[in-house]
Amino acid sequence: MYYRNANCAVVVYDITQSASLEKAQSWVRELQRQADPSIVIALCGNKTDLEARRQVSQEEAKKYAEEEGLMWGETSAKSGEGVSDIFTAIGQNLSEYVMCCRR
């Protein structure tokens, strides 16, 4: 219901908890089943400021994102690192989609 008419979604997981990526994957499946097929989904690993406690490798998350056709990035909500990058990338992706559909 919250994402019924959404153009994009950011699904966030905690890089320090493997189970967090598994939960994120279930949200991605839900979006793929229930949301508009053209929705832009970004998978975002958070807490890069806790690199020493990392349990989810970048390679694992990137591979999953590529297999599912998702955008991917990592951020730190604490420091702000990468936050504007992920939203800028989503905006560019949506802009390209709009331009494509208007042709």
PDB file of N, CA and C in Angstrom:
ATOM      1  N   MET A   1       0.814  -1.189   0.000  1.00  0.00           N
ATOM      2  CA  MET A   1       0.000   0.000   0.000  1.00  0.00           C
ATOM      3  C   MET A   1       0.862   1.259   0.000  1.00  0.00           C
ATOM      4  N   TYR A   2       1.970   1.240   0.718  1.00  0.00           N
ATOM      5  CA  TYR A   2       2.821   2.416   0.805  1.00  0.00           C
ATOM      6  C   TYR A   2       3.558   2.682  -0.494  1.00  0.00           C
ATOM      7  N   TYR A   3       3.736   1.674  -1.300  1.00  0.00           N
ATOM      8  CA  TYR A   3       4.521   1.833  -2.511  1.00  0.00           C
ATOM      9  C   TYR A   3       3.698   1.643  -3.777  1.00  0.00           C
ATOM     10  N   ARG A   4       2.396   1.625  -3.655  1.00  0.00           N
ATOM     11  CA  ARG A   4       1.519   1.338  -4.782  1.00  0.00           C
ATOM     12  C   ARG A   4       1.820   2.206  -6.005  1.00  0.00           C
ATOM     13  N   ASN A   5       1.957   3.502  -5.848  1.00  0.00           N
ATOM     14  CA  ASN A   5       2.208   4.397  -6.980  1.00  0.00           C
ATOM     15  C   ASN A   5       3.614   4.980  -6.947  1.00  0.00           C
ATOM     16  N   ALA A   6       4.511   4.301  -6.284  1.00  0.00           N
ATOM     17  CA  ALA A   6       5.879   4.806  -6.152  1.00  0.00           C
ATOM     18  C   ALA A   6       6.634   4.680  -7.471  1.00  0.00           C
ATOM     19  N   ASN A   7       7.462   5.671  -7.743  1.00  0.00           N
ATOM     20  CA  ASN A   7       8.331   5.635  -8.914  1.00  0.00           C
ATOM     21  C   ASN A   7       9.688   5.028  -8.573  1.00  0.00           C
ATOM     22  N   CYS A   8      10.040   5.090  -7.286  1.00  0.00           N
ATOM     23  CA  CYS A   8      11.319   4.538  -6.862  1.00  0.00           C
ATOM     24  C   CYS A   8      11.223   4.071  -5.411  1.00  0.00           C
ATOM     25  N   ALA A   9      12.179   3.230  -5.051  1.00  0.00           N
ATOM     26  CA  ALA A   9      12.269   2.748  -3.674  1.00  0.00           C
ATOM     27  C   ALA A   9      13.740   2.547  -3.334  1.00  0.00           C
ATOM     28  N   VAL A  10      14.086   2.858  -2.099  1.00  0.00           N
ATOM     29  CA  VAL A  10      15.424   2.596  -1.584  1.00  0.00           C
ATOM     30  C   VAL A  10      15.280   1.530  -0.512  1.00  0.00           C
ATOM     31  N   VAL A  11      15.869   0.390  -0.750  1.00  0.00           N
ATOM     32  CA  VAL A  11      15.832  -0.711   0.209  1.00  0.00           C
ATOM     33  C   VAL A  11      17.202  -0.742   0.888  1.00  0.00           C
ATOM     34  N   VAL A  12      17.197  -0.517   2.192  1.00  0.00           N
ATOM     35  CA  VAL A  12      18.439  -0.350   2.946  1.00  0.00           C
ATOM     36  C   VAL A  12      18.719  -1.585   3.793  1.00  0.00           C
ATOM     37  N   TYR A  13      19.972  -1.995   3.779  1.00  0.00           N
ATOM     38  CA  TYR A  13      20.424  -3.072   4.660  1.00  0.00           C
ATOM     39  C   TYR A  13      21.631  -2.579   5.450  1.00  0.00           C
ATOM     40  N   ASP A  14      21.912  -3.249   6.542  1.00  0.00           N
ATOM     41  CA  ASP A  14      23.013  -2.920   7.438  1.00  0.00           C
ATOM     42  C   ASP A  14      24.210  -3.792   7.066  1.00  0.00           C
ATOM     43  N   ILE A  15      25.307  -3.189   6.644  1.00  0.00           N
ATOM     44  CA  ILE A  15      26.461  -3.985   6.207  1.00  0.00           C
ATOM     45  C   ILE A  15      27.082  -4.797   7.340  1.00  0.00           C
ATOM     46  N   THR A  16      26.718  -4.497   8.580  1.00  0.00           N
ATOM     47  CA  THR A  16      27.285  -5.224   9.718  1.00  0.00           C
ATOM     48  C   THR A  16      26.421  -6.410  10.148  1.00  0.00           C
ATOM     49  N   GLN A  17      25.331  -6.678   9.416  1.00  0.00           N
ATOM     50  CA  GLN A  17      24.444  -7.787   9.776  1.00  0.00           C
ATOM     51  C   GLN A  17      23.989  -8.526   8.517  1.00  0.00           C
ATOM     52  N   SER A  18      24.443  -9.742   8.337  1.00  0.00           N
ATOM     53  CA  SER A  18      24.073 -10.543   7.168  1.00  0.00           C
ATOM     54  C   SER A  18      22.562 -10.717   7.041  1.00  0.00           C
ATOM     55  N   ALA A  19      21.900 -10.909   8.167  1.00  0.00           N
ATOM     56  CA  ALA A  19      20.444 -11.100   8.144  1.00  0.00           C
ATOM     57  C   ALA A  19      19.724  -9.876   7.580  1.00  0.00           C
ATOM     58  N   SER A  20      20.339  -8.723   7.708  1.00  0.00           N
ATOM     59  CA  SER A  20      19.749  -7.494   7.195  1.00  0.00           C
ATOM     60  C   SER A  20      19.644  -7.533   5.666  1.00  0.00           C
ATOM     61  N   LEU A  21      20.661  -8.083   4.992  1.00  0.00           N
ATOM     62  CA  LEU A  21      20.595  -8.209   3.534  1.00  0.00           C
ATOM     63  C   LEU A  21      19.510  -9.200   3.142  1.00  0.00           C
ATOM     64  N   GLU A  22      19.373 -10.267   3.892  1.00  0.00           N
ATOM     65  CA  GLU A  22      18.312 -11.245   3.605  1.00  0.00           C
ATOM     66  C   GLU A  22      16.935 -10.597   3.708  1.00  0.00           C
ATOM     67  N   LYS A  23      16.734  -9.776   4.720  1.00  0.00           N
ATOM     68  CA  LYS A  23      15.459  -9.069   4.871  1.00  0.00           C
ATOM     69  C   LYS A  23      15.258  -8.085   3.725  1.00  0.00           C
ATOM     70  N   ALA A  24      16.319  -7.402   3.335  1.00  0.00           N
ATOM     71  CA  ALA A  24      16.234  -6.468   2.209  1.00  0.00           C
ATOM     72  C   ALA A  24      15.832  -7.206   0.940  1.00  0.00           C
ATOM     73  N   GLN A  25      16.363  -8.393   0.749  1.00  0.00           N
ATOM     74  CA  GLN A  25      16.016  -9.186  -0.429  1.00  0.00           C
ATOM     75  C   GLN A  25      14.532  -9.539  -0.438  1.00  0.00           C
ATOM     76  N   SER A  26      13.959  -9.786   0.734  1.00  0.00           N
ATOM     77  CA  SER A  26      12.519 -10.077   0.790  1.00  0.00           C
ATOM     78  C   SER A  26      11.706  -8.828   0.431  1.00  0.00           C
ATOM     79  N   TRP A  27      12.176  -7.644   0.826  1.00  0.00           N
ATOM     80  CA  TRP A  27      11.497  -6.400   0.444  1.00  0.00           C
ATOM     81  C   TRP A  27      11.601  -6.170  -1.059  1.00  0.00           C
ATOM     82  N   VAL A  28      12.746  -6.481  -1.635  1.00  0.00           N
ATOM     83  CA  VAL A  28      12.910  -6.341  -3.081  1.00  0.00           C
ATOM     84  C   VAL A  28      11.931  -7.253  -3.808  1.00  0.00           C
ATOM     85  N   ARG A  29      11.833  -8.499  -3.364  1.00  0.00           N
ATOM     86  CA  ARG A  29      10.879  -9.435  -3.983  1.00  0.00           C
ATOM     87  C   ARG A  29       9.452  -8.897  -3.880  1.00  0.00           C
ATOM     88  N   GLU A  30       9.112  -8.350  -2.717  1.00  0.00           N
ATOM     89  CA  GLU A  30       7.780  -7.780  -2.522  1.00  0.00           C
ATOM     90  C   GLU A  30       7.533  -6.631  -3.507  1.00  0.00           C
ATOM     91  N   LEU A  31       8.497  -5.756  -3.636  1.00  0.00           N
ATOM     92  CA  LEU A  31       8.358  -4.642  -4.585  1.00  0.00           C
ATOM     93  C   LEU A  31       8.234  -5.151  -6.014  1.00  0.00           C
ATOM     94  N   GLN A  32       9.023  -6.139  -6.366  1.00  0.00           N
ATOM     95  CA  GLN A  32       8.974  -6.680  -7.716  1.00  0.00           C
ATOM     96  C   GLN A  32       7.629  -7.340  -8.014  1.00  0.00           C
ATOM     97  N   ARG A  33       7.009  -7.903  -7.001  1.00  0.00           N
ATOM     98  CA  ARG A  33       5.697  -8.544  -7.183  1.00  0.00           C
ATOM     99  C   ARG A  33       4.552  -7.540  -7.170  1.00  0.00           C
ATOM    100  N   GLN A  34       4.625  -6.546  -6.297  1.00  0.00           N
ATOM    101  CA  GLN A  34       3.469  -5.710  -6.027  1.00  0.00           C
ATOM    102  C   GLN A  34       3.516  -4.290  -6.612  1.00  0.00           C
ATOM    103  N   ALA A  35       4.705  -3.751  -6.787  1.00  0.00           N
ATOM    104  CA  ALA A  35       4.807  -2.363  -7.259  1.00  0.00           C
ATOM    105  C   ALA A  35       4.721  -2.320  -8.787  1.00  0.00           C
ATOM    106  N   ASP A  36       4.635  -1.119  -9.314  1.00  0.00           N
ATOM    107  CA  ASP A  36       4.639  -0.910 -10.763  1.00  0.00           C
ATOM    108  C   ASP A  36       5.900  -1.533 -11.352  1.00  0.00           C
ATOM    109  N   PRO A  37       5.786  -2.237 -12.463  1.00  0.00           N
ATOM    110  CA  PRO A  37       6.963  -2.890 -13.055  1.00  0.00           C
ATOM    111  C   PRO A  37       8.097  -1.924 -13.430  1.00  0.00           C
ATOM    112  N   SER A  38       7.786  -0.663 -13.609  1.00  0.00           N
ATOM    113  CA  SER A  38       8.819   0.306 -14.002  1.00  0.00           C
ATOM    114  C   SER A  38       9.496   0.971 -12.802  1.00  0.00           C
ATOM    115  N   ILE A  39       9.169   0.541 -11.590  1.00  0.00           N
ATOM    116  CA  ILE A  39       9.753   1.157 -10.393  1.00  0.00           C
ATOM    117  C   ILE A  39      11.281   1.015 -10.411  1.00  0.00           C
ATOM    118  N   VAL A  40      11.960   2.072 -10.011  1.00  0.00           N
ATOM    119  CA  VAL A  40      13.409   2.066  -9.870  1.00  0.00           C
ATOM    120  C   VAL A  40      13.704   1.670  -8.424  1.00  0.00           C
ATOM    121  N   ILE A  41      14.458   0.589  -8.260  1.00  0.00           N
ATOM    122  CA  ILE A  41      14.789   0.108  -6.915  1.00  0.00           C
ATOM    123  C   ILE A  41      16.294   0.232  -6.702  1.00  0.00           C
ATOM    124  N   ALA A  42      16.650   0.885  -5.610  1.00  0.00           N
ATOM    125  CA  ALA A  42      18.053   1.005  -5.230  1.00  0.00           C
ATOM    126  C   ALA A  42      18.285   0.199  -3.958  1.00  0.00           C
ATOM    127  N   LEU A  43      19.275  -0.657  -3.993  1.00  0.00           N
ATOM    128  CA  LEU A  43      19.700  -1.416  -2.815  1.00  0.00           C
ATOM    129  C   LEU A  43      20.857  -0.651  -2.202  1.00  0.00           C
ATOM    130  N   CYS A  44      20.732  -0.349  -0.925  1.00  0.00           N
ATOM    131  CA  CYS A  44      21.701   0.543  -0.294  1.00  0.00           C
ATOM    132  C   CYS A  44      22.236  -0.062   1.001  1.00  0.00           C
ATOM    133  N   GLY A  45      23.531  -0.316   1.023  1.00  0.00           N
ATOM    134  CA  GLY A  45      24.184  -0.777   2.243  1.00  0.00           C
ATOM    135  C   GLY A  45      24.506   0.417   3.123  1.00  0.00           C
ATOM    136  N   ASN A  46      24.126   0.348   4.366  1.00  0.00           N
ATOM    137  CA  ASN A  46      24.347   1.462   5.295  1.00  0.00           C
ATOM    138  C   ASN A  46      25.347   1.061   6.374  1.00  0.00           C
ATOM    139  N   LYS A  47      25.869   2.052   7.049  1.00  0.00           N
ATOM    140  CA  LYS A  47      26.820   1.919   8.156  1.00  0.00           C
ATOM    141  C   LYS A  47      28.245   1.651   7.672  1.00  0.00           C
ATOM    142  N   THR A  48      28.633   2.293   6.575  1.00  0.00           N
ATOM    143  CA  THR A  48      30.008   2.136   6.099  1.00  0.00           C
ATOM    144  C   THR A  48      31.015   2.699   7.089  1.00  0.00           C
ATOM    145  N   ASP A  49      30.548   3.499   8.034  1.00  0.00           N
ATOM    146  CA  ASP A  49      31.439   4.002   9.084  1.00  0.00           C
ATOM    147  C   ASP A  49      31.856   2.886  10.050  1.00  0.00           C
ATOM    148  N   LEU A  50      31.203   1.727   9.946  1.00  0.00           N
ATOM    149  CA  LEU A  50      31.535   0.570  10.794  1.00  0.00           C
ATOM    150  C   LEU A  50      32.182  -0.539   9.957  1.00  0.00           C
ATOM    151  N   GLU A  51      33.059  -0.160   9.055  1.00  0.00           N
ATOM    152  CA  GLU A  51      33.716  -1.090   8.128  1.00  0.00           C
ATOM    153  C   GLU A  51      34.360  -2.280   8.845  1.00  0.00           C
ATOM    154  N   ALA A  52      34.937  -2.061   9.985  1.00  0.00           N
ATOM    155  CA  ALA A  52      35.605  -3.138  10.726  1.00  0.00           C
ATOM    156  C   ALA A  52      34.634  -4.237  11.150  1.00  0.00           C
ATOM    157  N   ARG A  53      33.350  -3.919  11.218  1.00  0.00           N
ATOM    158  CA  ARG A  53      32.339  -4.905  11.631  1.00  0.00           C
ATOM    159  C   ARG A  53      31.558  -5.467  10.444  1.00  0.00           C
ATOM    160  N   ARG A  54      32.015  -5.198   9.234  1.00  0.00           N
ATOM    161  CA  ARG A  54      31.304  -5.608   8.016  1.00  0.00           C
ATOM    162  C   ARG A  54      31.086  -7.120   7.972  1.00  0.00           C
ATOM    163  N   GLN A  55      29.844  -7.521   7.669  1.00  0.00           N
ATOM    164  CA  GLN A  55      29.496  -8.927   7.446  1.00  0.00           C
ATOM    165  C   GLN A  55      29.009  -9.158   6.017  1.00  0.00           C
ATOM    166  N   VAL A  56      28.561  -8.098   5.354  1.00  0.00           N
ATOM    167  CA  VAL A  56      28.067  -8.202   3.979  1.00  0.00           C
ATOM    168  C   VAL A  56      29.109  -7.560   3.067  1.00  0.00           C
ATOM    169  N   SER A  57      29.728  -8.366   2.226  1.00  0.00           N
ATOM    170  CA  SER A  57      30.762  -7.823   1.336  1.00  0.00           C
ATOM    171  C   SER A  57      30.124  -7.012   0.215  1.00  0.00           C
ATOM    172  N   GLN A  58      30.882  -6.073  -0.285  1.00  0.00           N
ATOM    173  CA  GLN A  58      30.408  -5.294  -1.423  1.00  0.00           C
ATOM    174  C   GLN A  58      30.151  -6.211  -2.607  1.00  0.00           C
ATOM    175  N   GLU A  59      31.008  -7.187  -2.817  1.00  0.00           N
ATOM    176  CA  GLU A  59      30.865  -8.102  -3.948  1.00  0.00           C
ATOM    177  C   GLU A  59      29.541  -8.863  -3.878  1.00  0.00           C
ATOM    178  N   GLU A  60      29.197  -9.346  -2.696  1.00  0.00           N
ATOM    179  CA  GLU A  60      27.949 -10.096  -2.520  1.00  0.00           C
ATOM    180  C   GLU A  60      26.737  -9.217  -2.836  1.00  0.00           C
ATOM    181  N   ALA A  61      26.721  -8.021  -2.291  1.00  0.00           N
ATOM    182  CA  ALA A  61      25.587  -7.126  -2.491  1.00  0.00           C
ATOM    183  C   ALA A  61      25.502  -6.644  -3.937  1.00  0.00           C
ATOM    184  N   LYS A  62      26.639  -6.303  -4.526  1.00  0.00           N
ATOM    185  CA  LYS A  62      26.666  -5.861  -5.931  1.00  0.00           C
ATOM    186  C   LYS A  62      26.164  -6.962  -6.858  1.00  0.00           C
ATOM    187  N   LYS A  63      26.618  -8.179  -6.610  1.00  0.00           N
ATOM    188  CA  LYS A  63      26.204  -9.312  -7.444  1.00  0.00           C
ATOM    189  C   LYS A  63      24.689  -9.491  -7.386  1.00  0.00           C
ATOM    190  N   TYR A  64      24.147  -9.459  -6.190  1.00  0.00           N
ATOM    191  CA  TYR A  64      22.697  -9.582  -6.041  1.00  0.00           C
ATOM    192  C   TYR A  64      21.993  -8.448  -6.782  1.00  0.00           C
ATOM    193  N   ALA A  65      22.461  -7.216  -6.603  1.00  0.00           N
ATOM    194  CA  ALA A  65      21.840  -6.062  -7.256  1.00  0.00           C
ATOM    195  C   ALA A  65      21.874  -6.212  -8.776  1.00  0.00           C
ATOM    196  N   GLU A  66      22.990  -6.635  -9.313  1.00  0.00           N
ATOM    197  CA  GLU A  66      23.101  -6.827 -10.766  1.00  0.00           C
ATOM    198  C   GLU A  66      22.146  -7.901 -11.251  1.00  0.00           C
ATOM    199  N   GLU A  67      22.068  -9.011 -10.518  1.00  0.00           N
ATOM    200  CA  GLU A  67      21.174 -10.111 -10.913  1.00  0.00           C
ATOM    201  C   GLU A  67      19.715  -9.679 -10.941  1.00  0.00           C
ATOM    202  N   GLU A  68      19.348  -8.767 -10.041  1.00  0.00           N
ATOM    203  CA  GLU A  68      17.953  -8.339  -9.933  1.00  0.00           C
ATOM    204  C   GLU A  68      17.659  -7.027 -10.674  1.00  0.00           C
ATOM    205  N   GLY A  69      18.665  -6.456 -11.316  1.00  0.00           N
ATOM    206  CA  GLY A  69      18.469  -5.209 -12.052  1.00  0.00           C
ATOM    207  C   GLY A  69      18.271  -3.998 -11.158  1.00  0.00           C
ATOM    208  N   LEU A  70      18.938  -4.007 -10.010  1.00  0.00           N
ATOM    209  CA  LEU A  70      18.792  -2.929  -9.041  1.00  0.00           C
ATOM    210  C   LEU A  70      19.973  -1.974  -9.125  1.00  0.00           C
ATOM    211  N   MET A  71      19.750  -0.743  -8.731  1.00  0.00           N
ATOM    212  CA  MET A  71      20.856   0.169  -8.503  1.00  0.00           C
ATOM    213  C   MET A  71      21.481  -0.265  -7.184  1.00  0.00           C
ATOM    214  N   TRP A  72      22.747   0.070  -6.968  1.00  0.00           N
ATOM    215  CA  TRP A  72      23.402  -0.314  -5.722  1.00  0.00           C
ATOM    216  C   TRP A  72      24.366   0.766  -5.272  1.00  0.00           C
ATOM    217  N   GLY A  73      24.460   0.947  -3.970  1.00  0.00           N
ATOM    218  CA  GLY A  73      25.428   1.868  -3.397  1.00  0.00           C
ATOM    219  C   GLY A  73      25.562   1.608  -1.912  1.00  0.00           C
ATOM    220  N   GLU A  74      26.533   2.275  -1.311  1.00  0.00           N
ATOM    221  CA  GLU A  74      26.727   2.177   0.133  1.00  0.00           C
ATOM    222  C   GLU A  74      26.806   3.571   0.729  1.00  0.00           C
ATOM    223  N   THR A  75      26.341   3.671   1.956  1.00  0.00           N
ATOM    224  CA  THR A  75      26.271   4.960   2.633  1.00  0.00           C
ATOM    225  C   THR A  75      26.632   4.826   4.111  1.00  0.00           C
ATOM    226  N   SER A  76      26.779   5.978   4.723  1.00  0.00           N
ATOM    227  CA  SER A  76      26.831   6.069   6.173  1.00  0.00           C
ATOM    228  C   SER A  76      25.857   7.171   6.563  1.00  0.00           C
ATOM    229  N   ALA A  77      24.766   6.787   7.172  1.00  0.00           N
ATOM    230  CA  ALA A  77      23.811   7.793   7.638  1.00  0.00           C
ATOM    231  C   ALA A  77      24.447   8.650   8.726  1.00  0.00           C
ATOM    232  N   LYS A  78      25.383   8.073   9.452  1.00  0.00           N
ATOM    233  CA  LYS A  78      26.042   8.800  10.539  1.00  0.00           C
ATOM    234  C   LYS A  78      26.916   9.930   9.999  1.00  0.00           C
ATOM    235  N   SER A  79      27.756   9.620   9.010  1.00  0.00           N
ATOM    236  CA  SER A  79      28.664  10.647   8.470  1.00  0.00           C
ATOM    237  C   SER A  79      28.084  11.375   7.261  1.00  0.00           C
ATOM    238  N   GLY A  80      27.077  10.774   6.638  1.00  0.00           N
ATOM    239  CA  GLY A  80      26.491  11.355   5.437  1.00  0.00           C
ATOM    240  C   GLY A  80      27.167  10.896   4.157  1.00  0.00           C
ATOM    241  N   GLU A  81      28.245  10.135   4.280  1.00  0.00           N
ATOM    242  CA  GLU A  81      28.975   9.663   3.112  1.00  0.00           C
ATOM    243  C   GLU A  81      28.083   8.823   2.200  1.00  0.00           C
ATOM    244  N   GLY A  82      28.051   9.162   0.924  1.00  0.00           N
ATOM    245  CA  GLY A  82      27.330   8.392  -0.076  1.00  0.00           C
ATOM    246  C   GLY A  82      25.835   8.661  -0.156  1.00  0.00           C
ATOM    247  N   VAL A  83      25.270   9.367   0.799  1.00  0.00           N
ATOM    248  CA  VAL A  83      23.815   9.577   0.827  1.00  0.00           C
ATOM    249  C   VAL A  83      23.369  10.387  -0.390  1.00  0.00           C
ATOM    250  N   SER A  84      24.016  11.516  -0.630  1.00  0.00           N
ATOM    251  CA  SER A  84      23.602  12.331  -1.782  1.00  0.00           C
ATOM    252  C   SER A  84      23.887  11.594  -3.086  1.00  0.00           C
ATOM    253  N   ASP A  85      24.943  10.762  -3.116  1.00  0.00           N
ATOM    254  CA  ASP A  85      25.275  10.010  -4.330  1.00  0.00           C
ATOM    255  C   ASP A  85      24.147   9.063  -4.733  1.00  0.00           C
ATOM    256  N   ILE A  86      23.600   8.350  -3.765  1.00  0.00           N
ATOM    257  CA  ILE A  86      22.549   7.382  -4.098  1.00  0.00           C
ATOM    258  C   ILE A  86      21.289   8.093  -4.579  1.00  0.00           C
ATOM    259  N   PHE A  87      20.940   9.213  -3.941  1.00  0.00           N
ATOM    260  CA  PHE A  87      19.746   9.939  -4.368  1.00  0.00           C
ATOM    261  C   PHE A  87      19.959  10.642  -5.704  1.00  0.00           C
ATOM    262  N   THR A  88      21.167  11.111  -5.955  1.00  0.00           N
ATOM    263  CA  THR A  88      21.478  11.709  -7.258  1.00  0.00           C
ATOM    264  C   THR A  88      21.366  10.653  -8.357  1.00  0.00           C
ATOM    265  N   ALA A  89      21.902   9.470  -8.106  1.00  0.00           N
ATOM    266  CA  ALA A  89      21.829   8.389  -9.088  1.00  0.00           C
ATOM    267  C   ALA A  89      20.383   7.984  -9.360  1.00  0.00           C
ATOM    268  N   ILE A  90      19.572   7.928  -8.319  1.00  0.00           N
ATOM    269  CA  ILE A  90      18.152   7.601  -8.502  1.00  0.00           C
ATOM    270  C   ILE A  90      17.485   8.680  -9.344  1.00  0.00           C
ATOM    271  N   GLY A  91      17.762   9.944  -9.032  1.00  0.00           N
ATOM    272  CA  GLY A  91      17.188  11.048  -9.796  1.00  0.00           C
ATOM    273  C   GLY A  91      17.577  10.990 -11.260  1.00  0.00           C
ATOM    274  N   GLN A  92      18.825  10.679 -11.539  1.00  0.00           N
ATOM    275  CA  GLN A  92      19.283  10.567 -12.925  1.00  0.00           C
ATOM    276  C   GLN A  92      18.582   9.411 -13.626  1.00  0.00           C
ATOM    277  N   ASN A  93      18.438   8.302 -12.923  1.00  0.00           N
ATOM    278  CA  ASN A  93      17.773   7.138 -13.488  1.00  0.00           C
ATOM    279  C   ASN A  93      16.316   7.458 -13.814  1.00  0.00           C
ATOM    280  N   LEU A  94      15.636   8.110 -12.889  1.00  0.00           N
ATOM    281  CA  LEU A  94      14.241   8.489 -13.118  1.00  0.00           C
ATOM    282  C   LEU A  94      14.129   9.487 -14.261  1.00  0.00           C
ATOM    283  N   SER A  95      15.055  10.423 -14.330  1.00  0.00           N
ATOM    284  CA  SER A  95      15.055  11.421 -15.398  1.00  0.00           C
ATOM    285  C   SER A  95      15.221  10.750 -16.752  1.00  0.00           C
ATOM    286  N   GLU A  96      16.131   9.782 -16.846  1.00  0.00           N
ATOM    287  CA  GLU A  96      16.330   9.054 -18.091  1.00  0.00           C
ATOM    288  C   GLU A  96      15.073   8.281 -18.467  1.00  0.00           C
ATOM    289  N   TYR A  97      14.412   7.705 -17.501  1.00  0.00           N
ATOM    290  CA  TYR A  97      13.182   6.954 -17.750  1.00  0.00           C
ATOM    291  C   TYR A  97      12.096   7.879 -18.286  1.00  0.00           C
ATOM    292  N   VAL A  98      11.947   9.050 -17.680  1.00  0.00           N
ATOM    293  CA  VAL A  98      10.931  10.007 -18.124  1.00  0.00           C
ATOM    294  C   VAL A  98      11.210  10.461 -19.544  1.00  0.00           C
ATOM    295  N   MET A  99      12.468  10.772 -19.838  1.00  0.00           N
ATOM    296  CA  MET A  99      12.839  11.210 -21.183  1.00  0.00           C
ATOM    297  C   MET A  99      12.572  10.108 -22.199  1.00  0.00           C
ATOM    298  N   CYS A 100      12.854   8.881 -21.833  1.00  0.00           N
ATOM    299  CA  CYS A 100      12.632   7.747 -22.713  1.00  0.00           C
ATOM    300  C   CYS A 100      11.145   7.576 -23.018  1.00  0.00           C
ATOM    301  N   CYS A 101      10.317   7.704 -22.012  1.00  0.00           N
ATOM    302  CA  CYS A 101       8.881   7.457 -22.163  1.00  0.00           C
ATOM    303  C   CYS A 101       8.169   8.587 -22.906  1.00  0.00           C
ATOM    304  N   ARG A 102       8.729   9.770 -22.907  1.00  0.00           N
ATOM    305  CA  ARG A 102       8.101  10.898 -23.577  1.00  0.00           C
ATOM    306  C   ARG A 102       8.364  10.900 -25.070  1.00  0.00           C
ATOM    307  N   ARG A 103       9.272  10.082 -25.524  1.00  0.00           N
ATOM    308  CA  ARG A 103       9.602  10.036 -26.961  1.00  0.00           C
ATOM    309  C   ARG A 103       8.534   9.356 -27.743  1.00  0.00           C
TER     310      ARG A 103
END
